[in-house]
Amino acid sequence: MTPEVPGATDLGVEAIRLQRATLAYRAPITTAYGTLDRREVVLLTVVDEDGRTGRGEAAPLAGFTPETVDEAEAALQRWADEGTDPSAYPTARAAIDSALLDLASARAGRPVHDLLSPGSPAELPVAALVAGPTVDDLADAARRAVADGHPGVKVKVGVGPFEADLERVAAVRAAIDGAGLRLDANGAWCVSEAIDRLGRLAAFHPEFVEEPTAGLDDNAAVRAASPVPVAVDESAPDLPSIERALAVRAADVLIVKPSALGGPRPTAEAARRATDAGLRVVVTSLLEGSVGIRATAHLASALGLLQPAPGLATAGLLATDVGEPLMAVGGALYLD
């Protein structure tokens, strides 16, 4: 399906508001790109003639999106003032479409996912991203996530010595028994390192490893030699690069972040191309606030991208959020 997003005129939009907000994380999140403890996002609110509102969130993130938060905000302001197409700024485009769909939902009295795909589920089991300053803390976080009902967890690797990664992954696997385990290296290793390390990590039966190396050609080389399924994420941030990922057989799994890809329409097209090529598709957050997470969850439901479980249990990582936190309950998100 191709999501139909109504225009601002169709929805009777009479006011558009922009607001900068700061997200702060409960604990620093360390990746191969650095440590994330806080970031700025832009909230977009559209208001119709009856005062009903719809909200979207532009949340650029270095390493995953081409624009900065200043550029996203400027693109949103141009759209608000002049109707300028912001497609060159995918987080801005995602925020606009999300806000318009949210307003359409308020006007219709139906959830966004049901507007896009009638009968789509309101309950989404989601995988949890877990972190911790020590091995024991990480293992405890993973154990709690699975005990709470999450079907699996994701762990970052590639941020220090590989022997430390092995210790952490082993502790998590022991803590969660047979639950799903995903790893994300954020492109930290060269090809030879990745091949060797995935061979050693295979003993812990990960579902897949995201971005074991950087770039599509190198991930294709790793995939050809790896006993562990390979996923691409930031190496394929837009439709042309996704098409190339499929052509060079860079992955077994495609990670899609609607907030980074440009919202509902490019996400639906990316998922269609990937599934047609035999890849599994996993929808994940951009570690944004709950306005963006909520929009992504509704889209995952509408598109039927529920297995493998979406990686959307990230609101709990935030100490300060935007809007009402979308927290997992019993390992699932519930949409209204």
Protein backbone atom coordinates (compact mmCIF):
# COMPACT_ATOMS: atom_id res chain seq x y z
CA MET A 1 0.00 0.00 0.00
CA THR A 2 1.00 3.64 -0.54
CA PRO A 3 -0.11 5.81 2.39
CA GLU A 4 -2.36 8.67 1.36
CA VAL A 5 -1.44 11.85 3.20
CA PRO A 6 -3.99 14.69 2.95
CA GLY A 7 -2.79 18.20 2.21
CA ALA A 8 -2.96 21.12 4.61
CA THR A 9 -5.69 22.76 2.53
CA ASP A 10 -7.76 19.57 2.52
CA LEU A 11 -7.63 19.55 6.32
CA GLY A 12 -8.52 23.20 6.77
CA VAL A 13 -5.19 24.07 8.37
CA GLU A 14 -5.33 27.65 9.63
CA ALA A 15 -2.24 27.83 11.84
CA ILE A 16 1.19 26.22 11.88
CA ARG A 17 3.52 26.38 14.88
CA LEU A 18 7.16 25.36 15.31
CA GLN A 19 8.93 24.77 18.60
CA ARG A 20 12.48 23.69 19.45
CA ALA A 21 12.68 21.10 22.21
CA THR A 22 15.53 19.30 23.94
CA LEU A 23 15.50 15.57 24.53
CA ALA A 24 17.64 14.30 27.40
CA TYR A 25 18.45 10.62 27.90
CA ARG A 26 18.41 8.86 31.24
CA ALA A 27 21.88 7.48 30.55
CA PRO A 28 24.31 8.26 27.73
CA ILE A 29 23.85 6.06 24.65
CA THR A 30 27.20 5.17 23.13
CA THR A 31 27.50 4.18 19.47
CA ALA A 32 30.31 4.08 16.93
CA TYR A 33 29.34 7.70 16.10
CA GLY A 34 29.86 8.95 19.64
CA THR A 35 27.90 9.38 22.85
CA LEU A 36 24.37 10.73 22.82
CA ASP A 37 23.13 12.29 26.06
CA ARG A 38 20.84 15.04 24.73
CA ARG A 39 19.73 16.49 21.40
CA GLU A 40 17.43 19.10 19.92
CA VAL A 41 14.34 18.34 17.84
CA VAL A 42 11.69 20.50 16.19
CA LEU A 43 8.01 20.01 16.97
CA LEU A 44 5.48 20.90 14.29
CA THR A 45 1.85 21.57 15.19
CA VAL A 46 -0.89 22.13 12.60
CA VAL A 47 -4.26 23.52 13.70
CA ASP A 48 -7.56 23.41 11.80
CA GLU A 49 -10.47 25.85 11.83
CA ASP A 50 -12.07 24.06 14.79
CA GLY A 51 -8.92 24.09 16.90
CA ARG A 52 -8.05 20.43 16.38
CA THR A 53 -4.34 19.76 16.21
CA GLY A 54 -1.87 17.38 14.65
CA ARG A 55 1.77 17.04 15.67
CA GLY A 56 4.95 15.90 13.99
CA GLU A 57 8.59 15.79 15.07
CA ALA A 58 11.73 16.48 13.05
CA ALA A 59 14.65 14.79 14.79
CA PRO A 60 17.88 14.95 12.75
CA LEU A 61 20.68 12.72 14.02
CA ALA A 62 24.28 12.84 12.85
CA GLY A 63 25.28 9.70 10.99
CA PHE A 64 21.68 8.88 10.07
CA THR A 65 20.22 12.00 8.43
CA PRO A 66 21.67 14.49 5.94
CA GLU A 67 20.35 17.64 7.63
CA THR A 68 21.03 19.42 10.89
CA VAL A 69 18.31 20.54 13.27
CA ASP A 70 18.79 24.13 12.05
CA GLU A 71 18.28 23.04 8.45
CA ALA A 72 15.21 20.98 9.33
CA GLU A 73 13.71 23.90 11.23
CA ALA A 74 14.37 26.26 8.32
CA ALA A 75 12.76 23.82 5.88
CA LEU A 76 9.70 23.56 8.09
CA GLN A 77 9.48 27.34 8.35
CA ARG A 78 9.63 27.70 4.56
CA TRP A 79 6.85 25.12 4.23
CA ALA A 80 4.76 26.98 6.80
CA ASP A 81 5.34 30.38 5.16
CA GLU A 82 5.40 29.51 1.46
CA GLY A 83 4.33 25.89 1.03
CA THR A 84 7.86 25.01 -0.16
CA ASP A 85 8.43 21.28 -0.68
CA PRO A 86 10.88 20.10 2.03
CA SER A 87 11.71 16.75 0.41
CA ALA A 88 15.46 17.48 0.44
CA TYR A 89 15.19 17.42 4.24
CA PRO A 90 13.71 14.02 5.13
CA THR A 91 13.14 14.66 8.83
CA ALA A 92 11.16 17.79 7.95
CA ARG A 93 9.13 15.89 5.36
CA ALA A 94 8.41 13.16 7.91
CA ALA A 95 7.30 15.73 10.49
CA ILE A 96 4.88 17.37 8.05
CA ASP A 97 3.26 14.14 6.90
CA SER A 98 3.03 12.89 10.48
CA ALA A 99 1.38 16.11 11.64
CA LEU A 100 -1.12 16.08 8.77
CA LEU A 101 -2.03 12.45 9.42
CA ASP A 102 -2.37 13.17 13.12
CA LEU A 103 -4.77 16.02 12.33
CA ALA A 104 -6.71 13.81 9.90
CA SER A 105 -7.01 11.27 12.71
CA ALA A 106 -8.38 13.89 15.10
CA ARG A 107 -10.91 15.05 12.52
CA ALA A 108 -12.06 11.51 11.72
CA GLY A 109 -12.06 10.21 15.29
CA ARG A 110 -10.00 7.19 14.22
CA PRO A 111 -6.38 6.21 14.94
CA VAL A 112 -3.84 7.00 12.23
CA HIS A 113 -3.05 3.33 11.61
CA ASP A 114 -6.73 2.58 11.05
CA LEU A 115 -7.12 5.53 8.67
CA LEU A 116 -4.22 4.22 6.59
CA SER A 117 -5.17 0.54 6.80
CA PRO A 118 -8.59 -0.25 8.29
CA GLY A 119 -8.41 -3.15 10.73
CA SER A 120 -4.67 -2.87 11.34
CA PRO A 121 -3.67 -3.78 14.91
CA ALA A 122 -3.51 -1.35 17.80
CA GLU A 123 -1.07 -3.59 19.70
CA LEU A 124 2.56 -3.85 18.56
CA PRO A 125 5.03 -6.15 20.34
CA VAL A 126 8.36 -4.31 20.23
CA ALA A 127 12.01 -5.16 20.77
CA ALA A 128 13.86 -3.19 23.45
CA LEU A 129 17.17 -1.35 23.11
CA VAL A 130 19.14 -2.05 26.28
CA ALA A 131 22.23 -0.35 27.65
CA GLY A 132 24.17 -0.14 30.89
CA PRO A 133 27.49 1.13 32.23
CA THR A 134 28.62 -2.33 33.35
CA VAL A 135 28.17 -5.87 32.09
CA ASP A 136 25.92 -6.68 35.05
CA ASP A 137 23.81 -3.56 34.48
CA LEU A 138 23.40 -4.44 30.81
CA ALA A 139 22.44 -8.03 31.56
CA ASP A 140 19.96 -6.89 34.21
CA ALA A 141 18.36 -4.45 31.75
CA ALA A 142 18.02 -7.22 29.17
CA ARG A 143 16.57 -9.63 31.72
CA ARG A 144 13.99 -7.06 32.83
CA ALA A 145 13.00 -6.26 29.25
CA VAL A 146 12.28 -9.88 28.42
CA ALA A 147 10.52 -10.44 31.75
CA ASP A 148 8.33 -7.45 30.92
CA GLY A 149 7.22 -9.18 27.73
CA HIS A 150 9.50 -7.83 25.01
CA PRO A 151 10.17 -10.50 22.38
CA GLY A 152 13.83 -9.56 22.24
CA VAL A 153 16.52 -6.96 22.86
CA LYS A 154 19.10 -5.01 20.91
CA VAL A 155 22.64 -4.35 22.14
CA LYS A 156 25.22 -1.93 20.73
CA VAL A 157 28.65 -3.39 19.94
CA GLY A 158 31.78 -1.97 18.35
CA VAL A 159 32.29 0.82 20.87
CA GLY A 160 35.36 -0.62 22.61
CA PRO A 161 37.60 -3.70 22.62
CA PHE A 162 35.95 -6.68 20.98
CA GLU A 163 36.67 -8.92 23.96
CA ALA A 164 34.50 -6.55 26.01
CA ASP A 165 31.77 -6.89 23.37
CA LEU A 166 31.96 -10.67 23.67
CA GLU A 167 31.63 -10.48 27.44
CA ARG A 168 28.63 -8.19 27.20
CA VAL A 169 26.86 -10.23 24.52
CA ALA A 170 27.50 -13.47 26.41
CA ALA A 171 26.02 -11.97 29.58
CA VAL A 172 22.94 -10.76 27.72
CA ARG A 173 22.38 -14.09 26.01
CA ALA A 174 22.62 -15.87 29.37
CA ALA A 175 20.19 -13.36 30.90
CA ILE A 176 17.50 -13.67 28.22
CA ASP A 177 17.78 -17.37 27.43
CA GLY A 178 16.18 -17.98 24.03
CA ALA A 179 14.63 -14.54 23.45
CA GLY A 180 15.61 -12.55 20.39
CA LEU A 181 19.00 -10.86 20.38
CA ARG A 182 19.98 -8.16 17.89
CA LEU A 183 23.37 -6.49 17.68
CA ASP A 184 24.32 -3.15 16.15
CA ALA A 185 27.92 -2.24 15.31
CA ASN A 186 27.12 1.05 13.54
CA GLY A 187 29.79 0.32 10.93
CA ALA A 188 32.61 0.11 13.48
CA TRP A 189 34.65 -2.71 11.92
CA CYS A 190 36.60 -3.16 8.71
CA VAL A 191 35.59 -6.06 6.45
CA SER A 192 38.12 -8.57 7.79
CA GLU A 193 37.34 -7.66 11.40
CA ALA A 194 33.62 -7.94 10.76
CA ILE A 195 33.88 -11.37 9.17
CA ASP A 196 36.03 -12.68 12.02
CA ARG A 197 33.88 -11.11 14.73
CA LEU A 198 30.56 -12.23 13.31
CA GLY A 199 31.97 -15.74 13.21
CA ARG A 200 32.68 -15.50 16.93
CA LEU A 201 29.36 -13.81 17.74
CA ALA A 202 27.44 -16.55 15.93
CA ALA A 203 27.74 -18.70 19.07
CA PHE A 204 25.21 -16.39 20.74
CA HIS A 205 22.61 -16.85 17.96
CA PRO A 206 21.83 -13.23 17.12
CA GLU A 207 18.83 -12.62 14.86
CA PHE A 208 21.03 -10.26 12.85
CA VAL A 209 23.84 -7.73 13.21
CA GLU A 210 23.26 -4.20 11.96
CA GLU A 211 25.99 -2.45 9.99
CA PRO A 212 28.94 -4.69 10.89
CA THR A 213 30.98 -2.47 8.58
CA ALA A 214 30.40 0.82 6.78
CA GLY A 215 29.13 1.11 3.22
CA LEU A 216 27.09 -1.13 0.97
CA ASP A 217 29.91 -2.83 -0.92
CA ASP A 218 31.74 -3.72 2.28
CA ASN A 219 28.56 -4.98 3.93
CA ALA A 220 27.93 -7.12 0.86
CA ALA A 221 31.40 -8.64 1.25
CA VAL A 222 30.77 -9.34 4.93
CA ARG A 223 27.34 -10.81 4.25
CA ALA A 224 28.77 -13.22 1.69
CA ALA A 225 31.08 -14.70 4.35
CA SER A 226 29.00 -14.30 7.50
CA PRO A 227 27.18 -17.05 9.41
CA VAL A 228 25.03 -14.30 10.97
CA PRO A 229 22.38 -12.38 8.98
CA VAL A 230 23.49 -8.84 8.14
CA ALA A 231 21.22 -5.79 8.35
CA VAL A 232 21.81 -2.39 6.77
CA ASP A 233 20.58 0.83 8.29
CA GLU A 234 22.55 4.06 7.90
CA SER A 235 24.34 2.71 4.81
CA ALA A 236 20.99 2.89 3.00
CA PRO A 237 19.32 6.11 4.19
CA ASP A 238 17.19 6.83 1.11
CA LEU A 239 15.46 5.05 -1.76
CA PRO A 240 18.39 5.20 -4.24
CA SER A 241 20.80 3.70 -1.70
CA ILE A 242 18.23 1.08 -0.69
CA GLU A 243 17.89 0.12 -4.35
CA ARG A 244 21.66 -0.23 -4.56
CA ALA A 245 21.74 -2.28 -1.35
CA LEU A 246 19.36 -4.72 -2.99
CA ALA A 247 21.38 -4.77 -6.21
CA VAL A 248 24.69 -5.62 -4.50
CA ARG A 249 23.02 -7.98 -2.00
CA ALA A 250 24.36 -6.04 0.96
CA ALA A 251 21.91 -7.39 3.52
CA ASP A 252 19.46 -10.01 4.68
CA VAL A 253 17.50 -7.41 6.66
CA LEU A 254 16.63 -3.79 5.91
CA ILE A 255 16.23 -1.40 8.85
CA VAL A 256 13.88 1.47 8.08
CA LYS A 257 13.58 4.59 10.20
CA PRO A 258 10.58 6.53 8.88
CA SER A 259 11.71 9.67 10.68
CA ALA A 260 15.00 9.60 8.74
CA LEU A 261 13.65 8.23 5.46
CA GLY A 262 11.08 10.97 4.94
CA GLY A 263 7.89 9.63 6.45
CA PRO A 264 5.11 7.30 5.33
CA ARG A 265 5.42 7.29 1.55
CA PRO A 266 9.15 6.58 1.10
CA THR A 267 8.99 4.08 3.97
CA ALA A 268 6.20 2.15 2.27
CA GLU A 269 8.11 2.14 -1.02
CA ALA A 270 11.34 1.01 0.66
CA ALA A 271 9.53 -1.82 2.44
CA ARG A 272 7.87 -2.95 -0.78
CA ARG A 273 11.14 -3.07 -2.70
CA ALA A 274 12.94 -4.90 0.10
CA THR A 275 10.25 -7.54 0.65
CA ASP A 276 9.98 -8.11 -3.09
CA ALA A 277 13.72 -8.84 -3.04
CA GLY A 278 13.32 -11.33 -0.19
CA LEU A 279 14.63 -9.22 2.68
CA ARG A 280 13.05 -8.90 6.09
CA VAL A 281 12.12 -5.34 7.07
CA VAL A 282 12.42 -3.97 10.60
CA VAL A 283 10.95 -0.60 11.55
CA THR A 284 12.90 1.26 14.23
CA SER A 285 12.94 4.63 15.90
CA LEU A 286 15.55 7.34 15.44
CA LEU A 287 15.83 7.64 19.23
CA GLU A 288 13.51 10.61 18.87
CA GLY A 289 10.76 11.77 21.20
CA SER A 290 7.38 10.16 21.59
CA VAL A 291 5.70 12.33 18.94
CA GLY A 292 7.97 10.75 16.34
CA ILE A 293 7.85 7.28 17.90
CA ARG A 294 4.05 7.36 17.90
CA ALA A 295 3.93 8.31 14.20
CA THR A 296 6.36 5.50 13.37
CA ALA A 297 4.38 2.94 15.37
CA HIS A 298 1.14 3.83 13.58
CA LEU A 299 2.91 3.46 10.24
CA ALA A 300 4.43 0.09 11.17
CA SER A 301 0.96 -1.18 12.06
CA ALA A 302 -0.61 0.18 8.87
CA LEU A 303 2.08 -1.36 6.67
CA GLY A 304 1.98 -4.69 8.50
CA LEU A 305 5.68 -4.46 9.39
CA LEU A 306 5.33 -6.33 12.67
CA GLN A 307 7.69 -9.29 12.22
CA PRO A 308 10.52 -9.03 13.01
CA ALA A 309 9.27 -6.94 15.91
CA PRO A 310 9.77 -3.19 15.46
CA GLY A 311 12.49 -1.54 17.49
CA LEU A 312 10.27 1.12 19.02
CA ALA A 313 10.61 0.67 22.79
CA THR A 314 12.86 3.71 23.13
CA ALA A 315 10.72 6.28 24.97
CA GLY A 316 11.89 4.76 28.24
CA LEU A 317 15.43 5.89 27.44
CA LEU A 318 14.34 9.52 27.72
CA ALA A 319 14.51 11.60 30.89
CA THR A 320 12.74 14.47 29.11
CA ASP A 321 10.33 13.78 26.26
CA VAL A 322 8.04 15.72 23.95
CA GLY A 323 4.37 15.05 24.45
CA GLU A 324 2.99 12.06 26.32
CA PRO A 325 5.63 9.28 26.53
CA LEU A 326 4.71 6.25 24.43
CA MET A 327 5.83 3.54 26.82
CA ALA A 328 5.69 -0.17 26.19
CA VAL A 329 3.32 -2.13 28.42
CA GLY A 330 3.86 -5.86 28.65
CA GLY A 331 6.43 -5.62 25.87
CA ALA A 332 4.06 -3.90 23.43
CA LEU A 333 2.95 -0.45 22.34
CA TYR A 334 -0.77 0.29 22.36
CA LEU A 335 -1.98 2.84 19.83
CA ASP A 336 -5.00 5.11 20.02
